[in-house]
């Protein structure tokens, strides 16, 4: 997988693989094809926004479940 040129840094670098997995699962659920070469230049803004919004909703849901003491993830 290609390395991102993003200036964002992970607070927990060990979470990188889990975040990548979440990205691919979310894209699959939305029917979005993620470029395997890591080049997002041909990736539509609509797809990127949909994917980012979906991932954010999932991360908030996971955090809420952890804060409430529930261990179930959907």
Protein backbone atom coordinates (compact mmCIF):
# COMPACT_ATOMS: atom_id res chain seq x y z
CA UNK A 1 0.00 0.00 0.00
CA UNK A 2 1.28 3.48 -0.81
CA UNK A 3 2.23 5.83 1.96
CA UNK A 4 0.00 8.86 2.41
CA UNK A 5 1.39 12.37 2.04
CA UNK A 6 -1.09 13.61 4.65
CA UNK A 7 0.17 15.83 7.45
CA UNK A 8 -2.22 14.12 9.87
CA UNK A 9 -0.48 11.99 12.44
CA UNK A 10 -2.08 9.20 14.41
CA UNK A 11 -2.22 9.57 18.17
CA UNK A 12 -1.87 5.78 18.40
CA UNK A 13 0.32 4.68 15.46
CA UNK A 14 -0.49 1.01 16.15
CA UNK A 15 -4.09 1.78 15.10
CA UNK A 16 -3.05 2.30 11.48
CA UNK A 17 -3.92 -1.23 10.34
CA UNK A 18 -7.30 -1.13 12.10
CA UNK A 19 -8.13 2.22 10.51
CA UNK A 20 -7.17 0.92 7.06
CA UNK A 21 -9.39 -2.12 7.63
CA UNK A 22 -12.27 0.17 8.65
CA UNK A 23 -11.73 2.24 5.49
CA UNK A 24 -11.89 -0.80 3.22
CA UNK A 25 -14.92 -2.26 5.02
CA UNK A 26 -16.75 1.07 4.81
CA UNK A 27 -15.93 1.44 1.11
CA UNK A 28 -17.20 -2.07 0.44
CA UNK A 29 -20.46 -1.38 2.30
CA UNK A 30 -20.93 1.82 0.28
CA UNK A 31 -19.96 0.17 -3.02
CA UNK A 32 -16.96 2.46 -3.49
CA UNK A 33 -13.82 1.12 -5.18
CA UNK A 34 -10.67 2.29 -3.40
CA UNK A 35 -7.61 2.60 -5.66
CA UNK A 36 -5.17 -0.21 -4.84
CA UNK A 37 -2.17 1.85 -5.98
CA UNK A 38 -2.85 4.53 -3.34
CA UNK A 39 -3.41 7.27 -5.94
CA UNK A 40 -6.63 9.12 -5.18
CA UNK A 41 -6.37 11.67 -8.02
CA UNK A 42 -9.19 9.99 -9.93
CA UNK A 43 -11.29 9.45 -6.80
CA UNK A 44 -14.48 11.51 -6.96
CA UNK A 45 -15.14 14.15 -4.33
CA UNK A 46 -18.58 12.66 -3.75
CA UNK A 47 -17.11 9.22 -3.01
CA UNK A 48 -14.42 10.67 -0.75
CA UNK A 49 -17.01 12.67 1.19
CA UNK A 50 -19.35 9.70 1.51
CA UNK A 51 -16.55 7.46 2.70
CA UNK A 52 -15.21 10.03 5.18
CA UNK A 53 -18.66 10.72 6.60
CA UNK A 54 -19.42 7.02 6.97
CA UNK A 55 -16.11 6.33 8.70
CA UNK A 56 -16.68 9.27 11.06
CA UNK A 57 -20.15 7.97 11.97
CA UNK A 58 -18.71 4.49 12.65
CA UNK A 59 -15.87 5.87 14.81
CA UNK A 60 -18.33 7.97 16.84
CA UNK A 61 -20.57 4.93 17.25
CA UNK A 62 -17.63 2.83 18.46
CA UNK A 63 -16.57 5.55 20.92
CA UNK A 64 -20.11 5.93 22.26
CA UNK A 65 -20.38 2.18 22.77
CA UNK A 66 -17.04 2.07 24.59
CA UNK A 67 -18.03 4.99 26.80
CA UNK A 68 -21.34 3.35 27.68
CA UNK A 69 -19.56 0.12 28.61
CA UNK A 70 -21.06 -1.88 25.75
CA UNK A 71 -18.66 -4.16 23.88
CA UNK A 72 -20.93 -4.80 20.88
CA UNK A 73 -19.86 -3.25 17.57
CA UNK A 74 -22.18 -3.09 14.60
